[in-house]
């Protein structure tokens, strides 16, 4: 495979009903990588995915809830591993946007998402 550098187009970011903004940065047959942005004071919708997901926190602070694990504070550099089927949500607990990358294997598809509540 040849090296490849991708420069995502910021204008492709879109708001979701989940209460965050998404910019897909990479997609191939094995993985999707998307940048998520959650505004201060916002908590994303409780949901699950049928794929394994990892959050890599880039900036801001938050509180993540995954499955039956107690809500946990997260910040830059933290990685959250979320198994397929686990209920999840993240709250921006800080004063600036909470920004993180979502890495999904196998690749995320819209039908991967199941809303579980508000």
N, C-alpha and C. Protein backbone atom coordinates (compact mmCIF):
# COMPACT_ATOMS: atom_id res chain seq x y z
N UNK A 1 0.84 -1.18 0.00
CA UNK A 1 0.00 0.00 0.00
C UNK A 1 0.88 1.24 0.00
N UNK A 2 0.55 2.18 -0.82
CA UNK A 2 1.29 3.43 -0.90
C UNK A 2 0.89 4.36 0.24
N UNK A 3 1.84 5.12 0.79
CA UNK A 3 1.48 6.11 1.81
C UNK A 3 0.47 7.09 1.24
N UNK A 4 -0.40 7.56 2.09
CA UNK A 4 -1.43 8.50 1.65
C UNK A 4 -1.69 9.49 2.77
N UNK A 5 -1.80 10.74 2.41
CA UNK A 5 -2.12 11.78 3.39
C UNK A 5 -3.46 12.38 3.01
N UNK A 6 -4.35 12.44 3.96
CA UNK A 6 -5.69 12.96 3.73
C UNK A 6 -5.84 14.26 4.50
N UNK A 7 -6.37 15.26 3.84
CA UNK A 7 -6.64 16.56 4.46
C UNK A 7 -8.15 16.76 4.46
N UNK A 8 -8.84 16.38 5.54
CA UNK A 8 -10.30 16.50 5.56
C UNK A 8 -10.73 17.95 5.34
N UNK A 9 -11.85 18.10 4.65
CA UNK A 9 -12.43 19.40 4.35
C UNK A 9 -13.35 19.80 5.50
N UNK A 10 -12.98 20.81 6.26
CA UNK A 10 -13.76 21.25 7.42
C UNK A 10 -15.22 21.54 7.06
N UNK A 11 -15.47 21.95 5.82
CA UNK A 11 -16.84 22.26 5.42
C UNK A 11 -17.71 21.01 5.31
N UNK A 12 -17.11 19.82 5.40
CA UNK A 12 -17.87 18.56 5.37
C UNK A 12 -18.40 18.16 6.74
N UNK A 13 -18.03 18.90 7.80
CA UNK A 13 -18.55 18.59 9.13
C UNK A 13 -20.06 18.79 9.13
N UNK A 14 -20.79 17.87 9.80
CA UNK A 14 -22.25 17.97 9.84
C UNK A 14 -22.75 17.69 11.25
N UNK A 15 -23.86 18.34 11.59
CA UNK A 15 -24.50 18.13 12.89
C UNK A 15 -25.34 16.87 12.83
N UNK A 16 -25.37 16.13 13.94
CA UNK A 16 -26.14 14.89 13.99
C UNK A 16 -27.29 15.03 15.00
N UNK A 17 -28.31 14.18 14.88
CA UNK A 17 -29.37 14.17 15.89
C UNK A 17 -28.85 13.72 17.26
N UNK A 18 -27.66 13.13 17.27
CA UNK A 18 -27.03 12.66 18.51
C UNK A 18 -26.52 13.82 19.36
N UNK A 19 -26.55 15.05 18.84
CA UNK A 19 -26.11 16.27 19.52
C UNK A 19 -24.60 16.46 19.49
N UNK A 20 -23.99 16.05 18.39
CA UNK A 20 -22.58 16.35 18.17
C UNK A 20 -22.39 16.62 16.69
N UNK A 21 -21.23 17.13 16.35
CA UNK A 21 -20.87 17.36 14.95
C UNK A 21 -19.80 16.36 14.55
N UNK A 22 -19.89 15.85 13.32
CA UNK A 22 -19.00 14.80 12.84
C UNK A 22 -18.32 15.23 11.55
N UNK A 23 -17.04 14.92 11.46
CA UNK A 23 -16.27 15.08 10.22
C UNK A 23 -15.58 13.74 9.96
N UNK A 24 -16.07 13.00 8.97
CA UNK A 24 -15.41 11.73 8.64
C UNK A 24 -14.06 12.05 8.00
N UNK A 25 -13.00 11.45 8.54
CA UNK A 25 -11.65 11.75 8.06
C UNK A 25 -11.03 10.60 7.30
N UNK A 26 -11.54 9.37 7.51
CA UNK A 26 -10.97 8.21 6.81
C UNK A 26 -12.01 7.10 6.75
N UNK A 27 -12.04 6.40 5.60
CA UNK A 27 -12.90 5.23 5.44
C UNK A 27 -12.21 4.28 4.49
N UNK A 28 -12.09 3.02 4.91
CA UNK A 28 -11.66 1.97 4.00
C UNK A 28 -12.42 0.70 4.37
N UNK A 29 -12.00 -0.44 3.89
CA UNK A 29 -12.73 -1.69 4.14
C UNK A 29 -12.57 -2.19 5.57
N UNK A 30 -11.64 -1.63 6.34
CA UNK A 30 -11.36 -2.14 7.68
C UNK A 30 -11.72 -1.19 8.81
N UNK A 31 -11.74 0.11 8.55
CA UNK A 31 -11.90 1.08 9.63
C UNK A 31 -12.51 2.38 9.12
N UNK A 32 -13.25 3.05 10.01
CA UNK A 32 -13.61 4.45 9.77
C UNK A 32 -13.04 5.27 10.92
N UNK A 33 -12.63 6.48 10.57
CA UNK A 33 -12.14 7.43 11.57
C UNK A 33 -12.91 8.73 11.35
N UNK A 34 -13.53 9.22 12.41
CA UNK A 34 -14.29 10.46 12.31
C UNK A 34 -13.95 11.34 13.50
N UNK A 35 -13.87 12.64 13.25
CA UNK A 35 -13.68 13.59 14.34
C UNK A 35 -15.06 13.99 14.84
N UNK A 36 -15.25 13.90 16.15
CA UNK A 36 -16.50 14.33 16.77
C UNK A 36 -16.24 15.59 17.58
N UNK A 37 -17.24 16.46 17.62
CA UNK A 37 -17.14 17.70 18.38
C UNK A 37 -18.44 17.88 19.16
N UNK A 38 -18.31 18.03 20.48
CA UNK A 38 -19.46 18.22 21.35
C UNK A 38 -19.31 19.58 22.03
N UNK A 39 -20.32 20.40 21.93
CA UNK A 39 -20.26 21.75 22.50
C UNK A 39 -20.36 21.72 24.02
N UNK A 40 -19.87 22.77 24.70
CA UNK A 40 -19.93 22.84 26.16
C UNK A 40 -21.35 22.65 26.68
N UNK A 41 -21.47 21.86 27.74
CA UNK A 41 -22.76 21.64 28.38
C UNK A 41 -23.66 20.62 27.70
N UNK A 42 -23.22 20.05 26.60
CA UNK A 42 -24.04 19.10 25.84
C UNK A 42 -23.65 17.67 26.19
N UNK A 43 -24.65 16.80 26.28
CA UNK A 43 -24.45 15.36 26.44
C UNK A 43 -25.03 14.68 25.21
N UNK A 44 -24.26 13.80 24.61
CA UNK A 44 -24.75 13.10 23.42
C UNK A 44 -25.86 12.13 23.80
N UNK A 45 -26.64 11.77 22.81
CA UNK A 45 -27.74 10.82 23.01
C UNK A 45 -27.19 9.45 23.42
N UNK A 46 -27.87 8.81 24.36
CA UNK A 46 -27.51 7.45 24.73
C UNK A 46 -27.76 6.56 23.51
N UNK A 47 -26.75 5.77 23.14
CA UNK A 47 -26.85 4.95 21.94
C UNK A 47 -25.91 3.76 22.03
N UNK A 48 -26.02 2.88 21.07
CA UNK A 48 -25.06 1.79 20.92
C UNK A 48 -24.74 1.65 19.45
N UNK A 49 -23.62 1.00 19.17
CA UNK A 49 -23.21 0.69 17.80
C UNK A 49 -23.00 -0.80 17.69
N UNK A 50 -23.14 -1.34 16.49
CA UNK A 50 -22.88 -2.77 16.30
C UNK A 50 -21.44 -3.01 15.83
N UNK A 51 -20.57 -2.06 16.09
CA UNK A 51 -19.14 -2.15 15.77
C UNK A 51 -18.35 -1.75 17.00
N UNK A 52 -17.10 -2.18 17.09
CA UNK A 52 -16.22 -1.72 18.17
C UNK A 52 -15.79 -0.30 17.87
N UNK A 53 -15.73 0.51 18.91
CA UNK A 53 -15.37 1.92 18.73
C UNK A 53 -14.34 2.32 19.78
N UNK A 54 -13.44 3.19 19.39
CA UNK A 54 -12.50 3.80 20.30
C UNK A 54 -12.60 5.30 20.15
N UNK A 55 -12.61 6.01 21.29
CA UNK A 55 -12.53 7.47 21.30
C UNK A 55 -11.10 7.83 21.67
N UNK A 56 -10.49 8.73 20.91
CA UNK A 56 -9.21 9.32 21.26
C UNK A 56 -9.48 10.80 21.52
N UNK A 57 -9.41 11.20 22.78
CA UNK A 57 -9.74 12.57 23.15
C UNK A 57 -8.58 13.49 22.74
N UNK A 58 -8.93 14.55 22.00
CA UNK A 58 -7.93 15.49 21.49
C UNK A 58 -7.89 16.76 22.33
N UNK A 59 -9.06 17.32 22.63
CA UNK A 59 -9.10 18.55 23.42
C UNK A 59 -10.43 18.64 24.16
N UNK A 60 -10.40 19.43 25.23
CA UNK A 60 -11.58 19.58 26.07
C UNK A 60 -11.62 18.51 27.14
N UNK A 61 -12.68 18.57 27.94
CA UNK A 61 -12.87 17.59 29.01
C UNK A 61 -14.30 17.08 28.95
N UNK A 62 -14.47 15.86 29.42
CA UNK A 62 -15.80 15.27 29.39
C UNK A 62 -15.97 14.18 30.41
N UNK A 63 -17.17 13.65 30.43
CA UNK A 63 -17.51 12.51 31.27
C UNK A 63 -18.15 11.49 30.34
N UNK A 64 -17.53 10.31 30.26
CA UNK A 64 -18.02 9.27 29.37
C UNK A 64 -18.71 8.18 30.18
N UNK A 65 -19.81 7.69 29.64
CA UNK A 65 -20.54 6.58 30.24
C UNK A 65 -20.59 5.45 29.21
N UNK A 66 -20.11 4.27 29.62
CA UNK A 66 -20.10 3.10 28.74
C UNK A 66 -20.61 1.91 29.52
N UNK A 67 -21.70 1.30 29.05
CA UNK A 67 -22.23 0.11 29.70
C UNK A 67 -22.51 0.35 31.17
N UNK A 68 -22.12 -0.61 32.01
CA UNK A 68 -22.37 -0.54 33.45
C UNK A 68 -21.23 0.11 34.24
N UNK A 69 -20.20 0.59 33.54
CA UNK A 69 -19.06 1.22 34.21
C UNK A 69 -19.48 2.61 34.68
N UNK A 70 -19.06 3.01 35.87
CA UNK A 70 -19.38 4.33 36.40
C UNK A 70 -18.89 5.41 35.45
N UNK A 71 -19.65 6.51 35.29
CA UNK A 71 -19.18 7.61 34.45
C UNK A 71 -17.76 8.01 34.84
N UNK A 72 -16.93 8.27 33.82
CA UNK A 72 -15.51 8.51 34.03
C UNK A 72 -15.09 9.80 33.33
N UNK A 73 -14.32 10.61 34.04
CA UNK A 73 -13.79 11.84 33.43
C UNK A 73 -12.71 11.50 32.40
N UNK A 74 -12.72 12.24 31.29
CA UNK A 74 -11.73 12.04 30.23
C UNK A 74 -11.21 13.40 29.78
N UNK A 75 -9.98 13.36 29.25
CA UNK A 75 -9.35 14.57 28.73
C UNK A 75 -8.33 14.22 27.67
N UNK A 76 -7.61 15.21 27.18
CA UNK A 76 -6.68 15.01 26.07
C UNK A 76 -5.72 13.83 26.29
N UNK A 77 -5.64 12.99 25.27
CA UNK A 77 -4.75 11.83 25.30
C UNK A 77 -5.43 10.55 25.77
N UNK A 78 -6.58 10.67 26.42
CA UNK A 78 -7.27 9.47 26.89
C UNK A 78 -7.88 8.71 25.72
N UNK A 79 -7.92 7.39 25.86
CA UNK A 79 -8.56 6.51 24.88
C UNK A 79 -9.65 5.74 25.61
N UNK A 80 -10.83 5.72 25.03
CA UNK A 80 -11.97 4.99 25.58
C UNK A 80 -12.29 3.86 24.61
N UNK A 81 -12.21 2.60 25.06
CA UNK A 81 -12.52 1.44 24.23
C UNK A 81 -13.96 1.03 24.51
N UNK A 82 -14.78 1.01 23.45
CA UNK A 82 -16.21 0.73 23.59
C UNK A 82 -16.55 -0.50 22.76
N UNK A 83 -16.90 -1.60 23.42
CA UNK A 83 -17.23 -2.82 22.66
C UNK A 83 -18.57 -2.68 21.93
N UNK A 84 -18.70 -3.38 20.83
CA UNK A 84 -19.95 -3.39 20.08
C UNK A 84 -21.11 -3.74 21.01
N UNK A 85 -22.21 -3.01 20.86
CA UNK A 85 -23.41 -3.29 21.64
C UNK A 85 -23.50 -2.57 22.96
N UNK A 86 -22.42 -1.93 23.43
CA UNK A 86 -22.45 -1.24 24.73
C UNK A 86 -23.17 0.09 24.62
N UNK A 87 -24.01 0.37 25.60
CA UNK A 87 -24.66 1.68 25.68
C UNK A 87 -23.58 2.71 25.98
N UNK A 88 -23.67 3.87 25.32
CA UNK A 88 -22.64 4.89 25.50
C UNK A 88 -23.18 6.29 25.30
N UNK A 89 -22.51 7.23 25.95
CA UNK A 89 -22.76 8.66 25.75
C UNK A 89 -21.57 9.40 26.33
N UNK A 90 -21.41 10.65 25.90
CA UNK A 90 -20.35 11.48 26.46
C UNK A 90 -20.88 12.88 26.68
N UNK A 91 -20.49 13.46 27.80
CA UNK A 91 -20.90 14.81 28.17
C UNK A 91 -19.70 15.73 28.12
N UNK A 92 -19.88 16.91 27.53
CA UNK A 92 -18.83 17.92 27.57
C UNK A 92 -18.98 18.64 28.91
N UNK A 93 -18.03 18.43 29.80
CA UNK A 93 -18.08 19.03 31.14
C UNK A 93 -17.24 20.30 31.25
N UNK A 94 -16.65 20.72 30.13
CA UNK A 94 -15.77 21.88 30.17
C UNK A 94 -16.36 23.11 29.52
N UNK A 95 -15.50 24.13 29.35
CA UNK A 95 -15.92 25.41 28.80
C UNK A 95 -15.59 25.56 27.32
N UNK A 96 -14.88 24.57 26.76
CA UNK A 96 -14.55 24.61 25.33
C UNK A 96 -15.08 23.34 24.68
N UNK A 97 -15.09 23.33 23.35
CA UNK A 97 -15.55 22.14 22.64
C UNK A 97 -14.75 20.92 23.08
N UNK A 98 -15.44 19.80 23.23
CA UNK A 98 -14.82 18.50 23.46
C UNK A 98 -14.62 17.88 22.08
N UNK A 99 -13.38 17.60 21.71
CA UNK A 99 -13.05 17.07 20.40
C UNK A 99 -12.36 15.73 20.56
N UNK A 100 -12.83 14.73 19.82
CA UNK A 100 -12.23 13.40 19.89
C UNK A 100 -12.41 12.69 18.56
N UNK A 101 -11.55 11.73 18.32
CA UNK A 101 -11.66 10.89 17.13
C UNK A 101 -12.36 9.60 17.51
N UNK A 102 -13.26 9.15 16.65
CA UNK A 102 -13.98 7.89 16.79
C UNK A 102 -13.39 6.93 15.76
N UNK A 103 -12.84 5.84 16.22
CA UNK A 103 -12.24 4.83 15.34
C UNK A 103 -13.11 3.59 15.44
N UNK A 104 -13.74 3.20 14.32
CA UNK A 104 -14.69 2.09 14.32
C UNK A 104 -14.19 0.94 13.46
N UNK A 105 -14.25 -0.26 14.04
CA UNK A 105 -13.94 -1.48 13.30
C UNK A 105 -15.02 -2.51 13.61
N UNK A 106 -15.58 -3.14 12.60
CA UNK A 106 -15.46 -2.79 11.19
C UNK A 106 -16.00 -1.38 10.96
N UNK A 107 -15.94 -0.88 9.73
CA UNK A 107 -16.35 0.49 9.46
C UNK A 107 -17.78 0.81 9.90
N UNK A 108 -17.95 2.01 10.40
CA UNK A 108 -19.28 2.51 10.77
C UNK A 108 -20.15 2.64 9.54
N UNK A 109 -21.41 2.30 9.70
CA UNK A 109 -22.46 2.53 8.69
C UNK A 109 -23.64 3.16 9.43
N UNK A 110 -24.45 3.96 8.79
CA UNK A 110 -25.58 4.57 9.50
C UNK A 110 -26.45 3.54 10.22
N UNK A 111 -26.62 2.35 9.64
CA UNK A 111 -27.45 1.34 10.29
C UNK A 111 -26.74 0.70 11.49
N UNK A 112 -25.48 1.06 11.75
CA UNK A 112 -24.75 0.60 12.94
C UNK A 112 -25.30 1.24 14.21
N UNK A 113 -25.94 2.40 14.07
CA UNK A 113 -26.36 3.23 15.19
C UNK A 113 -27.74 2.85 15.69
N UNK A 114 -27.88 2.69 17.00
CA UNK A 114 -29.19 2.47 17.62
C UNK A 114 -29.36 3.46 18.76
N UNK A 115 -30.36 4.33 18.64
CA UNK A 115 -30.68 5.27 19.71
C UNK A 115 -31.30 4.51 20.87
N UNK A 116 -30.85 4.78 22.10
CA UNK A 116 -31.34 4.08 23.28
C UNK A 116 -32.10 4.98 24.23
N UNK A 117 -32.16 6.23 23.96
CA UNK A 117 -32.85 7.15 24.86
C UNK A 117 -32.52 8.57 24.48
N UNK A 118 -32.77 9.44 25.43
CA UNK A 118 -32.62 10.87 25.11
C UNK A 118 -31.23 11.36 25.35
